[in-house]
């Protein structure tokens, strides 16, 4: 399975980190992480407020509340040296998923090489 097909979700950690926050902040964070994972392959979100608000699905008023919480440069999204927003845990999980996928692809190629080699030898 490709790494972007499945994103692990640690519900206890997610809800604990956002405890006491408005529901739209929680949903926006989930939308942003999901986009970060499935569209950006955890390579970072561009620092464009209109784009990020669009991804989050929030109104302008909701965005004014949620943005400083979610793009806090500490607990949630952190800006890297290139100015892109990163989410540490998702990035770490992406690396694990990508490594697992790469191993599976390599293993599959090796199985096919062995299969083809054996079939050619018996021809």
PDB file of N, CA and C in Angstrom:
ATOM      1  N   UNK A   1       0.847  -1.177   0.000  1.00  0.00           N
ATOM      2  CA  UNK A   1       0.000   0.000   0.000  1.00  0.00           C
ATOM      3  C   UNK A   1       0.893   1.241   0.000  1.00  0.00           C
ATOM      4  N   UNK A   2       0.580   2.200  -0.885  1.00  0.00           N
ATOM      5  CA  UNK A   2       1.356   3.436  -0.963  1.00  0.00           C
ATOM      6  C   UNK A   2       1.283   4.182   0.366  1.00  0.00           C
ATOM      7  N   UNK A   3       2.339   4.902   0.736  1.00  0.00           N
ATOM      8  CA  UNK A   3       2.370   5.553   2.046  1.00  0.00           C
ATOM      9  C   UNK A   3       1.250   6.577   2.254  1.00  0.00           C
ATOM     10  N   UNK A   4       0.774   7.212   1.195  1.00  0.00           N
ATOM     11  CA  UNK A   4      -0.268   8.225   1.381  1.00  0.00           C
ATOM     12  C   UNK A   4      -1.673   7.627   1.464  1.00  0.00           C
ATOM     13  N   UNK A   5      -1.794   6.309   1.315  1.00  0.00           N
ATOM     14  CA  UNK A   5      -3.106   5.654   1.360  1.00  0.00           C
ATOM     15  C   UNK A   5      -3.657   5.520   2.782  1.00  0.00           C
ATOM     16  N   UNK A   6      -2.801   5.581   3.767  1.00  0.00           N
ATOM     17  CA  UNK A   6      -3.221   5.379   5.150  1.00  0.00           C
ATOM     18  C   UNK A   6      -2.429   6.303   6.060  1.00  0.00           C
ATOM     19  N   UNK A   7      -3.116   7.128   6.817  1.00  0.00           N
ATOM     20  CA  UNK A   7      -2.461   7.998   7.784  1.00  0.00           C
ATOM     21  C   UNK A   7      -2.839   7.525   9.186  1.00  0.00           C
ATOM     22  N   UNK A   8      -1.858   7.152  10.004  1.00  0.00           N
ATOM     23  CA  UNK A   8      -2.190   6.739  11.368  1.00  0.00           C
ATOM     24  C   UNK A   8      -2.787   7.911  12.145  1.00  0.00           C
ATOM     25  N   UNK A   9      -3.737   7.612  13.000  1.00  0.00           N
ATOM     26  CA  UNK A   9      -4.390   8.634  13.803  1.00  0.00           C
ATOM     27  C   UNK A   9      -4.317   8.222  15.266  1.00  0.00           C
ATOM     28  N   UNK A  10      -3.681   9.046  16.062  1.00  0.00           N
ATOM     29  CA  UNK A  10      -3.545   8.783  17.490  1.00  0.00           C
ATOM     30  C   UNK A  10      -4.566   9.670  18.210  1.00  0.00           C
ATOM     31  N   UNK A  11      -5.768   9.145  18.340  1.00  0.00           N
ATOM     32  CA  UNK A  11      -6.891   9.906  18.866  1.00  0.00           C
ATOM     33  C   UNK A  11      -6.647  10.503  20.238  1.00  0.00           C
ATOM     34  N   UNK A  12      -6.102   9.734  21.157  1.00  0.00           N
ATOM     35  CA  UNK A  12      -5.863  10.262  22.508  1.00  0.00           C
ATOM     36  C   UNK A  12      -4.949  11.484  22.459  1.00  0.00           C
ATOM     37  N   UNK A  13      -3.879  11.390  21.701  1.00  0.00           N
ATOM     38  CA  UNK A  13      -2.935  12.511  21.605  1.00  0.00           C
ATOM     39  C   UNK A  13      -3.574  13.718  20.919  1.00  0.00           C
ATOM     40  N   UNK A  14      -4.319  13.452  19.844  1.00  0.00           N
ATOM     41  CA  UNK A  14      -4.964  14.523  19.092  1.00  0.00           C
ATOM     42  C   UNK A  14      -5.921  15.308  19.986  1.00  0.00           C
ATOM     43  N   UNK A  15      -6.842  14.594  20.641  1.00  0.00           N
ATOM     44  CA  UNK A  15      -7.844  15.276  21.451  1.00  0.00           C
ATOM     45  C   UNK A  15      -7.251  15.897  22.710  1.00  0.00           C
ATOM     46  N   UNK A  16      -6.228  15.287  23.266  1.00  0.00           N
ATOM     47  CA  UNK A  16      -5.581  15.874  24.445  1.00  0.00           C
ATOM     48  C   UNK A  16      -4.884  17.183  24.074  1.00  0.00           C
ATOM     49  N   UNK A  17      -4.231  17.205  22.928  1.00  0.00           N
ATOM     50  CA  UNK A  17      -3.529  18.420  22.494  1.00  0.00           C
ATOM     51  C   UNK A  17      -4.494  19.575  22.239  1.00  0.00           C
ATOM     52  N   UNK A  18      -5.722  19.244  21.853  1.00  0.00           N
ATOM     53  CA  UNK A  18      -6.696  20.277  21.508  1.00  0.00           C
ATOM     54  C   UNK A  18      -7.817  20.424  22.543  1.00  0.00           C
ATOM     55  N   UNK A  19      -7.620  19.803  23.687  1.00  0.00           N
ATOM     56  CA  UNK A  19      -8.645  19.850  24.744  1.00  0.00           C
ATOM     57  C   UNK A  19      -8.976  21.311  25.086  1.00  0.00           C
ATOM     58  N   UNK A  20     -10.273  21.589  25.141  1.00  0.00           N
ATOM     59  CA  UNK A  20     -10.724  22.933  25.478  1.00  0.00           C
ATOM     60  C   UNK A  20     -10.837  23.866  24.281  1.00  0.00           C
ATOM     61  N   UNK A  21     -10.397  23.424  23.105  1.00  0.00           N
ATOM     62  CA  UNK A  21     -10.493  24.247  21.894  1.00  0.00           C
ATOM     63  C   UNK A  21     -11.848  24.046  21.232  1.00  0.00           C
ATOM     64  N   UNK A  22     -12.263  25.009  20.471  1.00  0.00           N
ATOM     65  CA  UNK A  22     -13.532  24.934  19.753  1.00  0.00           C
ATOM     66  C   UNK A  22     -13.479  23.823  18.716  1.00  0.00           C
ATOM     67  N   UNK A  23     -14.640  23.250  18.439  1.00  0.00           N
ATOM     68  CA  UNK A  23     -14.727  22.127  17.490  1.00  0.00           C
ATOM     69  C   UNK A  23     -14.171  22.504  16.127  1.00  0.00           C
ATOM     70  N   UNK A  24     -14.391  23.732  15.665  1.00  0.00           N
ATOM     71  CA  UNK A  24     -13.890  24.109  14.338  1.00  0.00           C
ATOM     72  C   UNK A  24     -12.364  24.157  14.297  1.00  0.00           C
ATOM     73  N   UNK A  25     -11.719  24.406  15.428  1.00  0.00           N
ATOM     74  CA  UNK A  25     -10.253  24.383  15.479  1.00  0.00           C
ATOM     75  C   UNK A  25      -9.765  22.942  15.326  1.00  0.00           C
ATOM     76  N   UNK A  26     -10.420  22.024  16.005  1.00  0.00           N
ATOM     77  CA  UNK A  26     -10.059  20.606  15.909  1.00  0.00           C
ATOM     78  C   UNK A  26     -10.238  20.092  14.492  1.00  0.00           C
ATOM     79  N   UNK A  27     -11.369  20.403  13.888  1.00  0.00           N
ATOM     80  CA  UNK A  27     -11.632  19.941  12.533  1.00  0.00           C
ATOM     81  C   UNK A  27     -10.645  20.568  11.545  1.00  0.00           C
ATOM     82  N   UNK A  28     -10.347  21.833  11.721  1.00  0.00           N
ATOM     83  CA  UNK A  28      -9.381  22.499  10.836  1.00  0.00           C
ATOM     84  C   UNK A  28      -8.007  21.833  10.942  1.00  0.00           C
ATOM     85  N   UNK A  29      -7.587  21.516  12.146  1.00  0.00           N
ATOM     86  CA  UNK A  29      -6.291  20.854  12.338  1.00  0.00           C
ATOM     87  C   UNK A  29      -6.274  19.503  11.635  1.00  0.00           C
ATOM     88  N   UNK A  30      -7.354  18.757  11.778  1.00  0.00           N
ATOM     89  CA  UNK A  30      -7.440  17.460  11.111  1.00  0.00           C
ATOM     90  C   UNK A  30      -7.401  17.633   9.588  1.00  0.00           C
ATOM     91  N   UNK A  31      -8.140  18.597   9.070  1.00  0.00           N
ATOM     92  CA  UNK A  31      -8.136  18.858   7.620  1.00  0.00           C
ATOM     93  C   UNK A  31      -6.729  19.214   7.141  1.00  0.00           C
ATOM     94  N   UNK A  32      -6.044  20.060   7.888  1.00  0.00           N
ATOM     95  CA  UNK A  32      -4.699  20.491   7.500  1.00  0.00           C
ATOM     96  C   UNK A  32      -3.695  19.346   7.556  1.00  0.00           C
ATOM     97  N   UNK A  33      -3.753  18.533   8.599  1.00  0.00           N
ATOM     98  CA  UNK A  33      -2.844  17.388   8.691  1.00  0.00           C
ATOM     99  C   UNK A  33      -3.134  16.403   7.561  1.00  0.00           C
ATOM    100  N   UNK A  34      -4.398  16.182   7.288  1.00  0.00           N
ATOM    101  CA  UNK A  34      -4.771  15.234   6.234  1.00  0.00           C
ATOM    102  C   UNK A  34      -4.234  15.699   4.882  1.00  0.00           C
ATOM    103  N   UNK A  35      -4.369  16.985   4.601  1.00  0.00           N
ATOM    104  CA  UNK A  35      -3.852  17.547   3.353  1.00  0.00           C
ATOM    105  C   UNK A  35      -2.330  17.443   3.336  1.00  0.00           C
ATOM    106  N   UNK A  36      -1.709  17.783   4.432  1.00  0.00           N
ATOM    107  CA  UNK A  36      -0.253  17.706   4.576  1.00  0.00           C
ATOM    108  C   UNK A  36       0.235  16.297   4.245  1.00  0.00           C
ATOM    109  N   UNK A  37      -0.484  15.292   4.737  1.00  0.00           N
ATOM    110  CA  UNK A  37      -0.116  13.891   4.522  1.00  0.00           C
ATOM    111  C   UNK A  37      -0.423  13.443   3.095  1.00  0.00           C
ATOM    112  N   UNK A  38      -1.655  13.610   2.659  1.00  0.00           N
ATOM    113  CA  UNK A  38      -2.107  12.983   1.421  1.00  0.00           C
ATOM    114  C   UNK A  38      -1.779  13.761   0.159  1.00  0.00           C
ATOM    115  N   UNK A  39      -1.584  15.068   0.263  1.00  0.00           N
ATOM    116  CA  UNK A  39      -1.287  15.858  -0.933  1.00  0.00           C
ATOM    117  C   UNK A  39       0.155  16.355  -0.964  1.00  0.00           C
ATOM    118  N   UNK A  40       0.708  16.614   0.180  1.00  0.00           N
ATOM    119  CA  UNK A  40       2.061  17.165   0.246  1.00  0.00           C
ATOM    120  C   UNK A  40       3.110  16.124   0.646  1.00  0.00           C
ATOM    121  N   UNK A  41       2.656  14.915   0.957  1.00  0.00           N
ATOM    122  CA  UNK A  41       3.569  13.849   1.397  1.00  0.00           C
ATOM    123  C   UNK A  41       4.503  14.327   2.506  1.00  0.00           C
ATOM    124  N   UNK A  42       3.952  15.135   3.380  1.00  0.00           N
ATOM    125  CA  UNK A  42       4.657  15.666   4.552  1.00  0.00           C
ATOM    126  C   UNK A  42       5.917  16.454   4.185  1.00  0.00           C
ATOM    127  N   UNK A  43       5.863  17.129   3.059  1.00  0.00           N
ATOM    128  CA  UNK A  43       6.984  17.962   2.634  1.00  0.00           C
ATOM    129  C   UNK A  43       6.784  19.424   3.023  1.00  0.00           C
ATOM    130  N   UNK A  44       5.665  19.733   3.645  1.00  0.00           N
ATOM    131  CA  UNK A  44       5.426  21.086   4.129  1.00  0.00           C
ATOM    132  C   UNK A  44       4.272  21.764   3.431  1.00  0.00           C
ATOM    133  N   UNK A  45       3.613  22.627   4.169  1.00  0.00           N
ATOM    134  CA  UNK A  45       2.530  23.450   3.624  1.00  0.00           C
ATOM    135  C   UNK A  45       3.092  24.829   3.326  1.00  0.00           C
ATOM    136  N   UNK A  46       2.709  25.385   2.184  1.00  0.00           N
ATOM    137  CA  UNK A  46       3.189  26.722   1.845  1.00  0.00           C
ATOM    138  C   UNK A  46       2.617  27.750   2.812  1.00  0.00           C
ATOM    139  N   UNK A  47       3.378  28.776   3.070  1.00  0.00           N
ATOM    140  CA  UNK A  47       2.976  29.823   4.006  1.00  0.00           C
ATOM    141  C   UNK A  47       2.129  30.863   3.274  1.00  0.00           C
ATOM    142  N   UNK A  48       0.892  30.472   2.999  1.00  0.00           N
ATOM    143  CA  UNK A  48      -0.060  31.322   2.279  1.00  0.00           C
ATOM    144  C   UNK A  48      -1.376  31.242   3.048  1.00  0.00           C
ATOM    145  N   UNK A  49      -1.715  32.308   3.744  1.00  0.00           N
ATOM    146  CA  UNK A  49      -2.876  32.308   4.634  1.00  0.00           C
ATOM    147  C   UNK A  49      -4.168  31.967   3.899  1.00  0.00           C
ATOM    148  N   UNK A  50      -4.363  32.502   2.701  1.00  0.00           N
ATOM    149  CA  UNK A  50      -5.588  32.201   1.958  1.00  0.00           C
ATOM    150  C   UNK A  50      -5.660  30.726   1.586  1.00  0.00           C
ATOM    151  N   UNK A  51      -4.536  30.183   1.145  1.00  0.00           N
ATOM    152  CA  UNK A  51      -4.484  28.761   0.798  1.00  0.00           C
ATOM    153  C   UNK A  51      -4.758  27.900   2.030  1.00  0.00           C
ATOM    154  N   UNK A  52      -4.084  28.191   3.123  1.00  0.00           N
ATOM    155  CA  UNK A  52      -4.251  27.405   4.349  1.00  0.00           C
ATOM    156  C   UNK A  52      -5.676  27.504   4.885  1.00  0.00           C
ATOM    157  N   UNK A  53      -6.254  28.678   4.826  1.00  0.00           N
ATOM    158  CA  UNK A  53      -7.648  28.833   5.255  1.00  0.00           C
ATOM    159  C   UNK A  53      -8.565  28.011   4.368  1.00  0.00           C
ATOM    160  N   UNK A  54      -8.296  27.992   3.066  1.00  0.00           N
ATOM    161  CA  UNK A  54      -9.090  27.180   2.147  1.00  0.00           C
ATOM    162  C   UNK A  54      -8.993  25.699   2.464  1.00  0.00           C
ATOM    163  N   UNK A  55      -7.802  25.233   2.756  1.00  0.00           N
ATOM    164  CA  UNK A  55      -7.614  23.831   3.120  1.00  0.00           C
ATOM    165  C   UNK A  55      -8.356  23.522   4.414  1.00  0.00           C
ATOM    166  N   UNK A  56      -8.301  24.433   5.353  1.00  0.00           N
ATOM    167  CA  UNK A  56      -8.940  24.206   6.659  1.00  0.00           C
ATOM    168  C   UNK A  56     -10.461  24.227   6.574  1.00  0.00           C
ATOM    169  N   UNK A  57     -10.996  24.899   5.565  1.00  0.00           N
ATOM    170  CA  UNK A  57     -12.441  24.993   5.423  1.00  0.00           C
ATOM    171  C   UNK A  57     -13.108  25.984   6.366  1.00  0.00           C
ATOM    172  N   UNK A  58     -12.324  26.865   6.952  1.00  0.00           N
ATOM    173  CA  UNK A  58     -12.862  27.803   7.935  1.00  0.00           C
ATOM    174  C   UNK A  58     -13.295  29.122   7.297  1.00  0.00           C
ATOM    175  N   UNK A  59     -14.242  29.766   7.961  1.00  0.00           N
ATOM    176  CA  UNK A  59     -14.620  31.124   7.565  1.00  0.00           C
ATOM    177  C   UNK A  59     -13.479  32.065   7.975  1.00  0.00           C
ATOM    178  N   UNK A  60     -13.521  33.283   7.508  1.00  0.00           N
ATOM    179  CA  UNK A  60     -12.473  34.246   7.873  1.00  0.00           C
ATOM    180  C   UNK A  60     -12.441  34.487   9.376  1.00  0.00           C
ATOM    181  N   UNK A  61     -13.613  34.584   9.995  1.00  0.00           N
ATOM    182  CA  UNK A  61     -13.667  34.816  11.449  1.00  0.00           C
ATOM    183  C   UNK A  61     -13.091  33.626  12.225  1.00  0.00           C
ATOM    184  N   UNK A  62     -13.458  32.416  11.806  1.00  0.00           N
ATOM    185  CA  UNK A  62     -12.929  31.213  12.467  1.00  0.00           C
ATOM    186  C   UNK A  62     -11.412  31.120  12.261  1.00  0.00           C
ATOM    187  N   UNK A  63     -10.959  31.466  11.067  1.00  0.00           N
ATOM    188  CA  UNK A  63      -9.530  31.405  10.741  1.00  0.00           C
ATOM    189  C   UNK A  63      -8.724  32.345  11.641  1.00  0.00           C
ATOM    190  N   UNK A  64      -9.277  33.493  11.934  1.00  0.00           N
ATOM    191  CA  UNK A  64      -8.582  34.450  12.805  1.00  0.00           C
ATOM    192  C   UNK A  64      -8.353  33.858  14.195  1.00  0.00           C
ATOM    193  N   UNK A  65      -9.244  33.002  14.624  1.00  0.00           N
ATOM    194  CA  UNK A  65      -9.090  32.324  15.920  1.00  0.00           C
ATOM    195  C   UNK A  65      -8.145  31.131  15.798  1.00  0.00           C
ATOM    196  N   UNK A  66      -8.326  30.321  14.759  1.00  0.00           N
ATOM    197  CA  UNK A  66      -7.597  29.059  14.634  1.00  0.00           C
ATOM    198  C   UNK A  66      -6.147  29.223  14.189  1.00  0.00           C
ATOM    199  N   UNK A  67      -5.879  30.170  13.311  1.00  0.00           N
ATOM    200  CA  UNK A  67      -4.529  30.277  12.736  1.00  0.00           C
ATOM    201  C   UNK A  67      -3.426  30.400  13.798  1.00  0.00           C
ATOM    202  N   UNK A  68      -3.525  31.333  14.750  1.00  0.00           N
ATOM    203  CA  UNK A  68      -2.429  31.438  15.723  1.00  0.00           C
ATOM    204  C   UNK A  68      -2.301  30.208  16.640  1.00  0.00           C
ATOM    205  N   UNK A  69      -3.371  29.447  16.762  1.00  0.00           N
ATOM    206  CA  UNK A  69      -3.299  28.220  17.564  1.00  0.00           C
ATOM    207  C   UNK A  69      -2.573  27.129  16.779  1.00  0.00           C
ATOM    208  N   UNK A  70      -2.997  26.910  15.539  1.00  0.00           N
ATOM    209  CA  UNK A  70      -2.490  25.786  14.748  1.00  0.00           C
ATOM    210  C   UNK A  70      -1.130  26.048  14.127  1.00  0.00           C
ATOM    211  N   UNK A  71      -0.855  27.294  13.808  1.00  0.00           N
ATOM    212  CA  UNK A  71       0.440  27.652  13.229  1.00  0.00           C
ATOM    213  C   UNK A  71       1.222  28.438  14.273  1.00  0.00           C
ATOM    214  N   UNK A  72       1.455  27.735  15.398  1.00  0.00           N
ATOM    215  CA  UNK A  72       2.050  28.348  16.587  1.00  0.00           C
ATOM    216  C   UNK A  72       3.578  28.275  16.603  1.00  0.00           C
ATOM    217  N   UNK A  73       4.144  27.580  15.630  1.00  0.00           N
ATOM    218  CA  UNK A  73       5.602  27.420  15.532  1.00  0.00           C
ATOM    219  C   UNK A  73       6.167  26.710  16.761  1.00  0.00           C
ATOM    220  N   UNK A  74       5.354  25.830  17.341  1.00  0.00           N
ATOM    221  CA  UNK A  74       5.775  25.120  18.536  1.00  0.00           C
ATOM    222  C   UNK A  74       5.102  23.761  18.649  1.00  0.00           C
ATOM    223  N   UNK A  75       3.841  23.733  19.053  1.00  0.00           N
ATOM    224  CA  UNK A  75       3.147  22.496  19.383  1.00  0.00           C
ATOM    225  C   UNK A  75       2.464  21.835  18.184  1.00  0.00           C
ATOM    226  N   UNK A  76       1.959  22.628  17.264  1.00  0.00           N
ATOM    227  CA  UNK A  76       1.189  22.079  16.152  1.00  0.00           C
ATOM    228  C   UNK A  76       2.010  22.136  14.860  1.00  0.00           C
ATOM    229  N   UNK A  77       1.872  23.178  14.082  1.00  0.00           N
ATOM    230  CA  UNK A  77       2.709  23.324  12.891  1.00  0.00           C
ATOM    231  C   UNK A  77       3.873  24.248  13.188  1.00  0.00           C
ATOM    232  N   UNK A  78       5.049  23.866  12.677  1.00  0.00           N
ATOM    233  CA  UNK A  78       6.287  24.615  12.887  1.00  0.00           C
ATOM    234  C   UNK A  78       6.843  24.999  11.522  1.00  0.00           C
ATOM    235  N   UNK A  79       7.294  26.240  11.410  1.00  0.00           N
ATOM    236  CA  UNK A  79       7.837  26.706  10.139  1.00  0.00           C
ATOM    237  C   UNK A  79       9.306  26.319  10.023  1.00  0.00           C
ATOM    238  N   UNK A  80       9.657  25.725   8.865  1.00  0.00           N
ATOM    239  CA  UNK A  80      11.048  25.319   8.653  1.00  0.00           C
ATOM    240  C   UNK A  80      11.860  26.460   8.039  1.00  0.00           C
ATOM    241  N   UNK A  81      13.138  26.206   7.777  1.00  0.00           N
ATOM    242  CA  UNK A  81      14.045  27.227   7.248  1.00  0.00           C
ATOM    243  C   UNK A  81      13.616  27.744   5.876  1.00  0.00           C
ATOM    244  N   UNK A  82      12.885  26.925   5.124  1.00  0.00           N
ATOM    245  CA  UNK A  82      12.410  27.341   3.798  1.00  0.00           C
ATOM    246  C   UNK A  82      11.062  28.064   3.875  1.00  0.00           C
ATOM    247  N   UNK A  83      10.517  28.214   5.079  1.00  0.00           N
ATOM    248  CA  UNK A  83       9.256  28.919   5.243  1.00  0.00           C
ATOM    249  C   UNK A  83       8.020  28.047   5.094  1.00  0.00           C
ATOM    250  N   UNK A  84       8.205  26.725   4.980  1.00  0.00           N
ATOM    251  CA  UNK A  84       7.066  25.808   4.863  1.00  0.00           C
ATOM    252  C   UNK A  84       6.687  25.314   6.258  1.00  0.00           C
ATOM    253  N   UNK A  85       5.397  25.066   6.438  1.00  0.00           N
ATOM    254  CA  UNK A  85       4.892  24.599   7.723  1.00  0.00           C
ATOM    255  C   UNK A  85       4.962  23.072   7.792  1.00  0.00           C
ATOM    256  N   UNK A  86       5.559  22.564   8.864  1.00  0.00           N
ATOM    257  CA  UNK A  86       5.742  21.134   9.076  1.00  0.00           C
ATOM    258  C   UNK A  86       5.014  20.708  10.346  1.00  0.00           C
ATOM    259  N   UNK A  87       4.590  19.448  10.354  1.00  0.00           N
ATOM    260  CA  UNK A  87       3.977  18.878  11.555  1.00  0.00           C
ATOM    261  C   UNK A  87       4.834  17.675  11.933  1.00  0.00           C
ATOM    262  N   UNK A  88       5.525  17.780  13.040  1.00  0.00           N
ATOM    263  CA  UNK A  88       6.554  16.819  13.420  1.00  0.00           C
ATOM    264  C   UNK A  88       6.113  15.367  13.484  1.00  0.00           C
ATOM    265  N   UNK A  89       5.024  15.091  14.148  1.00  0.00           N
ATOM    266  CA  UNK A  89       4.616  13.694  14.296  1.00  0.00           C
ATOM    267  C   UNK A  89       4.194  13.106  12.957  1.00  0.00           C
ATOM    268  N   UNK A  90       3.429  13.871  12.193  1.00  0.00           N
ATOM    269  CA  UNK A  90       3.006  13.373  10.884  1.00  0.00           C
ATOM    270  C   UNK A  90       4.228  13.123  10.003  1.00  0.00           C
ATOM    271  N   UNK A  91       5.191  14.002  10.068  1.00  0.00           N
ATOM    272  CA  UNK A  91       6.411  13.840   9.271  1.00  0.00           C
ATOM    273  C   UNK A  91       7.156  12.572   9.684  1.00  0.00           C
ATOM    274  N   UNK A  92       7.249  12.316  10.972  1.00  0.00           N
ATOM    275  CA  UNK A  92       7.899  11.111  11.472  1.00  0.00           C
ATOM    276  C   UNK A  92       7.147   9.849  11.029  1.00  0.00           C
ATOM    277  N   UNK A  93       5.823   9.877  11.130  1.00  0.00           N
ATOM    278  CA  UNK A  93       5.017   8.729  10.697  1.00  0.00           C
ATOM    279  C   UNK A  93       5.120   8.518   9.193  1.00  0.00           C
ATOM    280  N   UNK A  94       5.206   9.630   8.437  1.00  0.00           N
ATOM    281  CA  UNK A  94       5.361   9.526   6.983  1.00  0.00           C
ATOM    282  C   UNK A  94       6.667   8.798   6.645  1.00  0.00           C
ATOM    283  N   UNK A  95       7.741   9.153   7.323  1.00  0.00           N
ATOM    284  CA  UNK A  95       9.039   8.510   7.068  1.00  0.00           C
ATOM    285  C   UNK A  95       8.961   7.016   7.337  1.00  0.00           C
ATOM    286  N   UNK A  96       8.276   6.616   8.397  1.00  0.00           N
ATOM    287  CA  UNK A  96       8.099   5.192   8.691  1.00  0.00           C
ATOM    288  C   UNK A  96       7.277   4.509   7.601  1.00  0.00           C
ATOM    289  N   UNK A  97       6.184   5.141   7.193  1.00  0.00           N
ATOM    290  CA  UNK A  97       5.317   4.567   6.154  1.00  0.00           C
ATOM    291  C   UNK A  97       6.060   4.468   4.830  1.00  0.00           C
ATOM    292  N   UNK A  98       6.844   5.473   4.511  1.00  0.00           N
ATOM    293  CA  UNK A  98       7.607   5.494   3.252  1.00  0.00           C
ATOM    294  C   UNK A  98       8.670   4.395   3.279  1.00  0.00           C
ATOM    295  N   UNK A  99       9.359   4.231   4.393  1.00  0.00           N
ATOM    296  CA  UNK A  99      10.379   3.181   4.508  1.00  0.00           C
ATOM    297  C   UNK A  99       9.745   1.799   4.367  1.00  0.00           C
ATOM    298  N   UNK A 100       8.596   1.603   4.986  1.00  0.00           N
ATOM    299  CA  UNK A 100       7.886   0.329   4.886  1.00  0.00           C
ATOM    300  C   UNK A 100       7.470   0.063   3.442  1.00  0.00           C
ATOM    301  N   UNK A 101       6.956   1.081   2.780  1.00  0.00           N
ATOM    302  CA  UNK A 101       6.550   0.952   1.377  1.00  0.00           C
ATOM    303  C   UNK A 101       7.757   0.627   0.495  1.00  0.00           C
ATOM    304  N   UNK A 102       8.854   1.341   0.704  1.00  0.00           N
ATOM    305  CA  UNK A 102      10.061   1.100  -0.096  1.00  0.00           C
ATOM    306  C   UNK A 102      10.581  -0.329   0.086  1.00  0.00           C
ATOM    307  N   UNK A 103      10.522  -0.832   1.322  1.00  0.00           N
ATOM    308  CA  UNK A 103      10.949  -2.217   1.569  1.00  0.00           C
ATOM    309  C   UNK A 103      10.037  -3.193   0.835  1.00  0.00           C
ATOM    310  N   UNK A 104       8.735  -2.943   0.871  1.00  0.00           N
ATOM    311  CA  UNK A 104       7.782  -3.833   0.201  1.00  0.00           C
ATOM    312  C   UNK A 104       7.985  -3.821  -1.310  1.00  0.00           C
ATOM    313  N   UNK A 105       8.207  -2.643  -1.870  1.00  0.00           N
ATOM    314  CA  UNK A 105       8.441  -2.540  -3.319  1.00  0.00           C
ATOM    315  C   UNK A 105       9.726  -3.267  -3.695  1.00  0.00           C
ATOM    316  N   UNK A 106      10.771  -3.056  -2.920  1.00  0.00           N
ATOM    317  CA  UNK A 106      12.049  -3.717  -3.200  1.00  0.00           C
ATOM    318  C   UNK A 106      11.890  -5.231  -3.087  1.00  0.00           C
ATOM    319  N   UNK A 107      11.185  -5.674  -2.061  1.00  0.00           N
ATOM    320  CA  UNK A 107      10.945  -7.110  -1.887  1.00  0.00           C
ATOM    321  C   UNK A 107      10.156  -7.687  -3.048  1.00  0.00           C
ATOM    322  N   UNK A 108       9.165  -6.954  -3.518  1.00  0.00           N
ATOM    323  CA  UNK A 108       8.367  -7.415  -4.654  1.00  0.00           C
ATOM    324  C   UNK A 108       9.197  -7.516  -5.912  1.00  0.00           C
ATOM    325  N   UNK A 109      10.063  -6.542  -6.152  1.00  0.00           N
ATOM    326  CA  UNK A 109      10.928  -6.571  -7.332  1.00  0.00           C
ATOM    327  C   UNK A 109      11.881  -7.760  -7.252  1.00  0.00           C
ATOM    328  N   UNK A 110      12.415  -8.012  -6.071  1.00  0.00           N
ATOM    329  CA  UNK A 110      13.334  -9.144  -5.915  1.00  0.00           C
ATOM    330  C   UNK A 110      12.622 -10.472  -6.152  1.00  0.00           C
ATOM    331  N   UNK A 111      11.373 -10.583  -5.694  1.00  0.00           N
ATOM    332  CA  UNK A 111      10.616 -11.816  -5.937  1.00  0.00           C
ATOM    333  C   UNK A 111      10.393 -12.023  -7.429  1.00  0.00           C
ATOM    334  N   UNK A 112      10.047 -10.945  -8.137  1.00  0.00           N
ATOM    335  CA  UNK A 112       9.804 -11.070  -9.574  1.00  0.00           C
ATOM    336  C   UNK A 112      11.094 -11.397 -10.315  1.00  0.00           C
ATOM    337  N   UNK A 113      12.227 -10.811  -9.927  1.00  0.00           N
ATOM    338  CA  UNK A 113      13.506 -11.124 -10.574  1.00  0.00           C
ATOM    339  C   UNK A 113      13.804 -12.612 -10.420  1.00  0.00           C
ATOM    340  N   UNK A 114      13.597 -13.134  -9.212  1.00  0.00           N
ATOM    341  CA  UNK A 114      13.839 -14.546  -8.939  1.00  0.00           C
ATOM    342  C   UNK A 114      12.898 -15.411  -9.780  1.00  0.00           C
ATOM    343  N   UNK A 115      11.636 -15.037  -9.842  1.00  0.00           N
ATOM    344  CA  UNK A 115      10.630 -15.781 -10.599  1.00  0.00           C
ATOM    345  C   UNK A 115      10.981 -15.796 -12.095  1.00  0.00           C
ATOM    346  N   UNK A 116      11.322 -14.651 -12.637  1.00  0.00           N
ATOM    347  CA  UNK A 116      11.672 -14.561 -14.063  1.00  0.00           C
ATOM    348  C   UNK A 116      12.934 -15.347 -14.353  1.00  0.00           C
ATOM    349  N   UNK A 117      13.935 -15.207 -13.496  1.00  0.00           N
ATOM    350  CA  UNK A 117      15.193 -15.929 -13.686  1.00  0.00           C
ATOM    351  C   UNK A 117      14.957 -17.432 -13.695  1.00  0.00           C
ATOM    352  N   UNK A 118      14.142 -17.934 -12.761  1.00  0.00           N
ATOM    353  CA  UNK A 118      13.838 -19.361 -12.703  1.00  0.00           C
ATOM    354  C   UNK A 118      13.076 -19.826 -13.939  1.00  0.00           C
ATOM    355  N   UNK A 119      12.123 -19.026 -14.396  1.00  0.00           N
ATOM    356  CA  UNK A 119      11.346 -19.401 -15.579  1.00  0.00           C
ATOM    357  C   UNK A 119      12.198 -19.407 -16.837  1.00  0.00           C
ATOM    358  N   UNK A 120      13.136 -18.472 -16.946  1.00  0.00           N
ATOM    359  CA  UNK A 120      14.010 -18.438 -18.121  1.00  0.00           C
ATOM    360  C   UNK A 120      14.972 -19.621 -18.109  1.00  0.00           C
ATOM    361  N   UNK A 121      15.399 -20.005 -16.923  1.00  0.00           N
ATOM    362  CA  UNK A 121      16.323 -21.138 -16.818  1.00  0.00           C
ATOM    363  C   UNK A 121      15.657 -22.449 -17.222  1.00  0.00           C
ATOM    364  N   UNK A 122      14.337 -22.542 -17.062  1.00  0.00           N
ATOM    365  CA  UNK A 122      13.606 -23.775 -17.381  1.00  0.00           C
ATOM    366  C   UNK A 122      13.039 -23.765 -18.801  1.00  0.00           C
ATOM    367  N   UNK A 123      13.299 -22.700 -19.551  1.00  0.00           N
ATOM    368  CA  UNK A 123      12.750 -22.589 -20.908  1.00  0.00           C
ATOM    369  C   UNK A 123      13.550 -23.371 -21.914  1.00  0.00           C
TER     370      UNK A 123
END
